[in-house]
């Protein structure tokens, strides 16, 4: 399982996170999404190895009106 650590410029509430999580989990190869409310700008996405997943995750988040950056993987 691979992971990417993302920084989101926006602060997500529970509702916004649940919408984003559902969108990400419907993406091929994405297996789980972790969000810690004490670090509201950080998110961890777990995925099966596939070369396009990190860029696709960014695209899904941008479609939700967010401004993410990959900070680790």
PDB file of N, CA and C in Angstrom:
ATOM      1  N   UNK A   1       0.844  -1.170   0.000  1.00  0.00           N
ATOM      2  CA  UNK A   1       0.000   0.000   0.000  1.00  0.00           C
ATOM      3  C   UNK A   1       0.894   1.238   0.000  1.00  0.00           C
ATOM      4  N   UNK A   2       0.595   2.174  -0.850  1.00  0.00           N
ATOM      5  CA  UNK A   2       1.319   3.448  -0.911  1.00  0.00           C
ATOM      6  C   UNK A   2       0.488   4.536  -0.255  1.00  0.00           C
ATOM      7  N   UNK A   3       1.158   5.586   0.188  1.00  0.00           N
ATOM      8  CA  UNK A   3       0.449   6.718   0.789  1.00  0.00           C
ATOM      9  C   UNK A   3       1.001   8.030   0.247  1.00  0.00           C
ATOM     10  N   UNK A   4       0.133   9.022   0.229  1.00  0.00           N
ATOM     11  CA  UNK A   4       0.582  10.380  -0.043  1.00  0.00           C
ATOM     12  C   UNK A   4       0.055  11.268   1.079  1.00  0.00           C
ATOM     13  N   UNK A   5       0.899  12.170   1.514  1.00  0.00           N
ATOM     14  CA  UNK A   5       0.539  13.136   2.536  1.00  0.00           C
ATOM     15  C   UNK A   5       0.235  14.440   1.826  1.00  0.00           C
ATOM     16  N   UNK A   6      -0.936  14.983   2.094  1.00  0.00           N
ATOM     17  CA  UNK A   6      -1.370  16.200   1.424  1.00  0.00           C
ATOM     18  C   UNK A   6      -1.564  17.327   2.415  1.00  0.00           C
ATOM     19  N   UNK A   7      -1.250  18.523   1.984  1.00  0.00           N
ATOM     20  CA  UNK A   7      -1.567  19.728   2.736  1.00  0.00           C
ATOM     21  C   UNK A   7      -2.654  20.454   1.958  1.00  0.00           C
ATOM     22  N   UNK A   8      -3.735  20.812   2.656  1.00  0.00           N
ATOM     23  CA  UNK A   8      -4.854  21.515   2.033  1.00  0.00           C
ATOM     24  C   UNK A   8      -4.877  22.932   2.599  1.00  0.00           C
ATOM     25  N   UNK A   9      -4.921  23.925   1.734  1.00  0.00           N
ATOM     26  CA  UNK A   9      -4.950  25.313   2.205  1.00  0.00           C
ATOM     27  C   UNK A   9      -6.220  25.619   2.999  1.00  0.00           C
ATOM     28  N   UNK A  10      -7.331  25.012   2.614  1.00  0.00           N
ATOM     29  CA  UNK A  10      -8.597  25.269   3.276  1.00  0.00           C
ATOM     30  C   UNK A  10      -8.746  24.389   4.521  1.00  0.00           C
ATOM     31  N   UNK A  11      -9.587  24.843   5.449  1.00  0.00           N
ATOM     32  CA  UNK A  11      -9.944  24.037   6.609  1.00  0.00           C
ATOM     33  C   UNK A  11     -11.265  23.348   6.306  1.00  0.00           C
ATOM     34  N   UNK A  12     -11.294  22.026   6.442  1.00  0.00           N
ATOM     35  CA  UNK A  12     -12.503  21.259   6.151  1.00  0.00           C
ATOM     36  C   UNK A  12     -13.285  20.980   7.422  1.00  0.00           C
ATOM     37  N   UNK A  13     -14.588  21.170   7.338  1.00  0.00           N
ATOM     38  CA  UNK A  13     -15.479  20.725   8.400  1.00  0.00           C
ATOM     39  C   UNK A  13     -15.807  19.262   8.172  1.00  0.00           C
ATOM     40  N   UNK A  14     -16.530  18.682   9.088  1.00  0.00           N
ATOM     41  CA  UNK A  14     -16.881  17.263   8.983  1.00  0.00           C
ATOM     42  C   UNK A  14     -17.657  16.981   7.689  1.00  0.00           C
ATOM     43  N   UNK A  15     -18.622  17.826   7.366  1.00  0.00           N
ATOM     44  CA  UNK A  15     -19.427  17.618   6.162  1.00  0.00           C
ATOM     45  C   UNK A  15     -18.560  17.671   4.910  1.00  0.00           C
ATOM     46  N   UNK A  16     -17.700  18.700   4.819  1.00  0.00           N
ATOM     47  CA  UNK A  16     -16.830  18.837   3.651  1.00  0.00           C
ATOM     48  C   UNK A  16     -15.864  17.663   3.531  1.00  0.00           C
ATOM     49  N   UNK A  17     -15.330  17.210   4.669  1.00  0.00           N
ATOM     50  CA  UNK A  17     -14.426  16.064   4.630  1.00  0.00           C
ATOM     51  C   UNK A  17     -15.159  14.817   4.152  1.00  0.00           C
ATOM     52  N   UNK A  18     -16.367  14.591   4.646  1.00  0.00           N
ATOM     53  CA  UNK A  18     -17.113  13.401   4.244  1.00  0.00           C
ATOM     54  C   UNK A  18     -17.416  13.402   2.750  1.00  0.00           C
ATOM     55  N   UNK A  19     -17.735  14.559   2.196  1.00  0.00           N
ATOM     56  CA  UNK A  19     -17.972  14.671   0.750  1.00  0.00           C
ATOM     57  C   UNK A  19     -16.686  14.369  -0.012  1.00  0.00           C
ATOM     58  N   UNK A  20     -15.587  14.969   0.423  1.00  0.00           N
ATOM     59  CA  UNK A  20     -14.297  14.744  -0.233  1.00  0.00           C
ATOM     60  C   UNK A  20     -13.872  13.285  -0.096  1.00  0.00           C
ATOM     61  N   UNK A  21     -14.031  12.719   1.077  1.00  0.00           N
ATOM     62  CA  UNK A  21     -13.642  11.323   1.307  1.00  0.00           C
ATOM     63  C   UNK A  21     -14.411  10.393   0.366  1.00  0.00           C
ATOM     64  N   UNK A  22     -15.715  10.626   0.227  1.00  0.00           N
ATOM     65  CA  UNK A  22     -16.526   9.796  -0.666  1.00  0.00           C
ATOM     66  C   UNK A  22     -16.042   9.925  -2.106  1.00  0.00           C
ATOM     67  N   UNK A  23     -15.706  11.141  -2.522  1.00  0.00           N
ATOM     68  CA  UNK A  23     -15.209  11.350  -3.889  1.00  0.00           C
ATOM     69  C   UNK A  23     -13.876  10.637  -4.093  1.00  0.00           C
ATOM     70  N   UNK A  24     -12.992  10.724  -3.110  1.00  0.00           N
ATOM     71  CA  UNK A  24     -11.688  10.070  -3.236  1.00  0.00           C
ATOM     72  C   UNK A  24     -11.816   8.550  -3.211  1.00  0.00           C
ATOM     73  N   UNK A  25     -12.679   8.024  -2.347  1.00  0.00           N
ATOM     74  CA  UNK A  25     -12.839   6.570  -2.259  1.00  0.00           C
ATOM     75  C   UNK A  25     -13.501   5.986  -3.498  1.00  0.00           C
ATOM     76  N   UNK A  26     -14.179   6.815  -4.274  1.00  0.00           N
ATOM     77  CA  UNK A  26     -14.765   6.321  -5.523  1.00  0.00           C
ATOM     78  C   UNK A  26     -13.745   6.317  -6.654  1.00  0.00           C
ATOM     79  N   UNK A  27     -12.544   6.805  -6.372  1.00  0.00           N
ATOM     80  CA  UNK A  27     -11.457   6.840  -7.343  1.00  0.00           C
ATOM     81  C   UNK A  27     -10.759   5.481  -7.397  1.00  0.00           C
ATOM     82  N   UNK A  28     -10.487   5.002  -8.582  1.00  0.00           N
ATOM     83  CA  UNK A  28      -9.778   3.720  -8.734  1.00  0.00           C
ATOM     84  C   UNK A  28      -8.464   3.740  -7.975  1.00  0.00           C
ATOM     85  N   UNK A  29      -8.181   2.663  -7.290  1.00  0.00           N
ATOM     86  CA  UNK A  29      -6.931   2.410  -6.570  1.00  0.00           C
ATOM     87  C   UNK A  29      -6.838   3.111  -5.209  1.00  0.00           C
ATOM     88  N   UNK A  30      -7.729   4.051  -4.874  1.00  0.00           N
ATOM     89  CA  UNK A  30      -7.707   4.689  -3.553  1.00  0.00           C
ATOM     90  C   UNK A  30      -8.391   3.749  -2.574  1.00  0.00           C
ATOM     91  N   UNK A  31      -7.700   3.456  -1.466  1.00  0.00           N
ATOM     92  CA  UNK A  31      -8.205   2.485  -0.490  1.00  0.00           C
ATOM     93  C   UNK A  31      -8.686   3.112   0.808  1.00  0.00           C
ATOM     94  N   UNK A  32      -8.097   4.234   1.241  1.00  0.00           N
ATOM     95  CA  UNK A  32      -8.522   4.864   2.489  1.00  0.00           C
ATOM     96  C   UNK A  32      -8.057   6.308   2.515  1.00  0.00           C
ATOM     97  N   UNK A  33      -8.763   7.113   3.313  1.00  0.00           N
ATOM     98  CA  UNK A  33      -8.448   8.532   3.467  1.00  0.00           C
ATOM     99  C   UNK A  33      -8.472   8.828   4.957  1.00  0.00           C
ATOM    100  N   UNK A  34      -7.395   9.428   5.460  1.00  0.00           N
ATOM    101  CA  UNK A  34      -7.289   9.751   6.880  1.00  0.00           C
ATOM    102  C   UNK A  34      -7.173  11.257   7.048  1.00  0.00           C
ATOM    103  N   UNK A  35      -7.903  11.767   8.040  1.00  0.00           N
ATOM    104  CA  UNK A  35      -7.930  13.198   8.316  1.00  0.00           C
ATOM    105  C   UNK A  35      -7.958  13.361   9.822  1.00  0.00           C
ATOM    106  N   UNK A  36      -7.037  14.118  10.356  1.00  0.00           N
ATOM    107  CA  UNK A  36      -6.939  14.328  11.796  1.00  0.00           C
ATOM    108  C   UNK A  36      -7.453  15.732  12.109  1.00  0.00           C
ATOM    109  N   UNK A  37      -8.506  15.837  12.904  1.00  0.00           N
ATOM    110  CA  UNK A  37      -9.099  17.143  13.189  1.00  0.00           C
ATOM    111  C   UNK A  37      -8.162  18.069  13.960  1.00  0.00           C
ATOM    112  N   UNK A  38      -7.128  17.513  14.602  1.00  0.00           N
ATOM    113  CA  UNK A  38      -6.174  18.376  15.295  1.00  0.00           C
ATOM    114  C   UNK A  38      -5.143  18.969  14.326  1.00  0.00           C
ATOM    115  N   UNK A  39      -5.072  18.398  13.121  1.00  0.00           N
ATOM    116  CA  UNK A  39      -4.213  18.927  12.057  1.00  0.00           C
ATOM    117  C   UNK A  39      -5.103  19.142  10.824  1.00  0.00           C
ATOM    118  N   UNK A  40      -5.959  20.170  10.850  1.00  0.00           N
ATOM    119  CA  UNK A  40      -7.024  20.295   9.864  1.00  0.00           C
ATOM    120  C   UNK A  40      -6.583  20.550   8.426  1.00  0.00           C
ATOM    121  N   UNK A  41      -5.316  20.762   8.195  1.00  0.00           N
ATOM    122  CA  UNK A  41      -4.849  20.998   6.828  1.00  0.00           C
ATOM    123  C   UNK A  41      -4.092  19.807   6.248  1.00  0.00           C
ATOM    124  N   UNK A  42      -3.989  18.729   7.015  1.00  0.00           N
ATOM    125  CA  UNK A  42      -3.235  17.554   6.579  1.00  0.00           C
ATOM    126  C   UNK A  42      -4.160  16.378   6.327  1.00  0.00           C
ATOM    127  N   UNK A  43      -3.866  15.637   5.272  1.00  0.00           N
ATOM    128  CA  UNK A  43      -4.648  14.464   4.921  1.00  0.00           C
ATOM    129  C   UNK A  43      -3.702  13.391   4.395  1.00  0.00           C
ATOM    130  N   UNK A  44      -4.004  12.154   4.695  1.00  0.00           N
ATOM    131  CA  UNK A  44      -3.226  11.018   4.226  1.00  0.00           C
ATOM    132  C   UNK A  44      -4.137  10.142   3.374  1.00  0.00           C
ATOM    133  N   UNK A  45      -3.690   9.817   2.173  1.00  0.00           N
ATOM    134  CA  UNK A  45      -4.471   8.989   1.258  1.00  0.00           C
ATOM    135  C   UNK A  45      -3.676   7.714   0.983  1.00  0.00           C
ATOM    136  N   UNK A  46      -4.311   6.565   1.234  1.00  0.00           N
ATOM    137  CA  UNK A  46      -3.691   5.269   0.963  1.00  0.00           C
ATOM    138  C   UNK A  46      -4.227   4.741  -0.362  1.00  0.00           C
ATOM    139  N   UNK A  47      -3.327   4.179  -1.170  1.00  0.00           N
ATOM    140  CA  UNK A  47      -3.746   3.685  -2.473  1.00  0.00           C
ATOM    141  C   UNK A  47      -2.894   2.512  -2.915  1.00  0.00           C
ATOM    142  N   UNK A  48      -3.474   1.709  -3.800  1.00  0.00           N
ATOM    143  CA  UNK A  48      -2.723   0.640  -4.429  1.00  0.00           C
ATOM    144  C   UNK A  48      -1.724   1.268  -5.390  1.00  0.00           C
ATOM    145  N   UNK A  49      -0.597   0.610  -5.566  1.00  0.00           N
ATOM    146  CA  UNK A  49       0.430   1.158  -6.444  1.00  0.00           C
ATOM    147  C   UNK A  49      -0.119   1.342  -7.857  1.00  0.00           C
ATOM    148  N   UNK A  50      -0.056   2.569  -8.303  1.00  0.00           N
ATOM    149  CA  UNK A  50      -0.469   2.919  -9.663  1.00  0.00           C
ATOM    150  C   UNK A  50       0.084   4.311  -9.934  1.00  0.00           C
ATOM    151  N   UNK A  51       0.732   4.497 -11.043  1.00  0.00           N
ATOM    152  CA  UNK A  51       1.499   5.717 -11.285  1.00  0.00           C
ATOM    153  C   UNK A  51       0.680   6.991 -11.331  1.00  0.00           C
ATOM    154  N   UNK A  52      -0.590   6.948 -11.718  1.00  0.00           N
ATOM    155  CA  UNK A  52      -1.356   8.176 -11.884  1.00  0.00           C
ATOM    156  C   UNK A  52      -2.189   8.578 -10.675  1.00  0.00           C
ATOM    157  N   UNK A  53      -2.213   7.787  -9.633  1.00  0.00           N
ATOM    158  CA  UNK A  53      -3.102   8.057  -8.510  1.00  0.00           C
ATOM    159  C   UNK A  53      -2.816   9.400  -7.837  1.00  0.00           C
ATOM    160  N   UNK A  54      -1.576   9.738  -7.482  1.00  0.00           N
ATOM    161  CA  UNK A  54      -1.375  11.023  -6.806  1.00  0.00           C
ATOM    162  C   UNK A  54      -1.889  12.226  -7.608  1.00  0.00           C
ATOM    163  N   UNK A  55      -1.660  12.249  -8.886  1.00  0.00           N
ATOM    164  CA  UNK A  55      -2.127  13.376  -9.689  1.00  0.00           C
ATOM    165  C   UNK A  55      -3.649  13.364  -9.812  1.00  0.00           C
ATOM    166  N   UNK A  56      -4.235  12.177  -9.884  1.00  0.00           N
ATOM    167  CA  UNK A  56      -5.690  12.090  -9.953  1.00  0.00           C
ATOM    168  C   UNK A  56      -6.321  12.555  -8.637  1.00  0.00           C
ATOM    169  N   UNK A  57      -5.709  12.207  -7.512  1.00  0.00           N
ATOM    170  CA  UNK A  57      -6.199  12.659  -6.208  1.00  0.00           C
ATOM    171  C   UNK A  57      -6.192  14.184  -6.156  1.00  0.00           C
ATOM    172  N   UNK A  58      -5.117  14.799  -6.618  1.00  0.00           N
ATOM    173  CA  UNK A  58      -5.065  16.267  -6.657  1.00  0.00           C
ATOM    174  C   UNK A  58      -6.200  16.827  -7.509  1.00  0.00           C
ATOM    175  N   UNK A  59      -6.448  16.196  -8.649  1.00  0.00           N
ATOM    176  CA  UNK A  59      -7.520  16.649  -9.530  1.00  0.00           C
ATOM    177  C   UNK A  59      -8.892  16.567  -8.881  1.00  0.00           C
ATOM    178  N   UNK A  60      -9.161  15.478  -8.184  1.00  0.00           N
ATOM    179  CA  UNK A  60     -10.447  15.317  -7.484  1.00  0.00           C
ATOM    180  C   UNK A  60     -10.602  16.416  -6.441  1.00  0.00           C
ATOM    181  N   UNK A  61      -9.545  16.693  -5.716  1.00  0.00           N
ATOM    182  CA  UNK A  61      -9.604  17.720  -4.673  1.00  0.00           C
ATOM    183  C   UNK A  61      -9.795  19.107  -5.287  1.00  0.00           C
ATOM    184  N   UNK A  62      -9.132  19.378  -6.380  1.00  0.00           N
ATOM    185  CA  UNK A  62      -9.296  20.667  -7.050  1.00  0.00           C
ATOM    186  C   UNK A  62     -10.708  20.825  -7.584  1.00  0.00           C
ATOM    187  N   UNK A  63     -11.309  19.741  -8.067  1.00  0.00           N
ATOM    188  CA  UNK A  63     -12.705  19.790  -8.515  1.00  0.00           C
ATOM    189  C   UNK A  63     -13.650  20.142  -7.375  1.00  0.00           C
ATOM    190  N   UNK A  64     -13.242  19.847  -6.148  1.00  0.00           N
ATOM    191  CA  UNK A  64     -14.044  20.178  -4.951  1.00  0.00           C
ATOM    192  C   UNK A  64     -13.776  21.623  -4.500  1.00  0.00           C
ATOM    193  N   UNK A  65     -12.949  22.349  -5.245  1.00  0.00           N
ATOM    194  CA  UNK A  65     -12.643  23.737  -4.903  1.00  0.00           C
ATOM    195  C   UNK A  65     -11.518  23.899  -3.903  1.00  0.00           C
ATOM    196  N   UNK A  66     -10.747  22.825  -3.686  1.00  0.00           N
ATOM    197  CA  UNK A  66      -9.642  22.866  -2.722  1.00  0.00           C
ATOM    198  C   UNK A  66      -8.325  23.145  -3.411  1.00  0.00           C
ATOM    199  N   UNK A  67      -7.350  23.535  -2.610  1.00  0.00           N
ATOM    200  CA  UNK A  67      -6.010  23.841  -3.097  1.00  0.00           C
ATOM    201  C   UNK A  67      -4.998  22.970  -2.359  1.00  0.00           C
ATOM    202  N   UNK A  68      -4.820  21.714  -2.800  1.00  0.00           N
ATOM    203  CA  UNK A  68      -3.914  20.780  -2.132  1.00  0.00           C
ATOM    204  C   UNK A  68      -2.503  20.798  -2.709  1.00  0.00           C
ATOM    205  N   UNK A  69      -1.573  20.379  -1.893  1.00  0.00           N
ATOM    206  CA  UNK A  69      -0.187  20.153  -2.314  1.00  0.00           C
ATOM    207  C   UNK A  69       0.259  18.830  -1.735  1.00  0.00           C
ATOM    208  N   UNK A  70       1.006  18.058  -2.499  1.00  0.00           N
ATOM    209  CA  UNK A  70       1.604  16.837  -1.983  1.00  0.00           C
ATOM    210  C   UNK A  70       2.854  17.232  -1.203  1.00  0.00           C
ATOM    211  N   UNK A  71       2.915  16.824   0.057  1.00  0.00           N
ATOM    212  CA  UNK A  71       4.062  17.175   0.908  1.00  0.00           C
ATOM    213  C   UNK A  71       4.902  15.960   1.259  1.00  0.00           C
ATOM    214  N   UNK A  72       4.453  14.787   0.910  1.00  0.00           N
ATOM    215  CA  UNK A  72       5.228  13.577   1.168  1.00  0.00           C
ATOM    216  C   UNK A  72       4.511  12.387   0.563  1.00  0.00           C
ATOM    217  N   UNK A  73       5.246  11.326   0.390  1.00  0.00           N
ATOM    218  CA  UNK A  73       4.612  10.166  -0.201  1.00  0.00           C
ATOM    219  C   UNK A  73       5.338   8.918   0.137  1.00  0.00           C
TER     220      UNK A  73
END
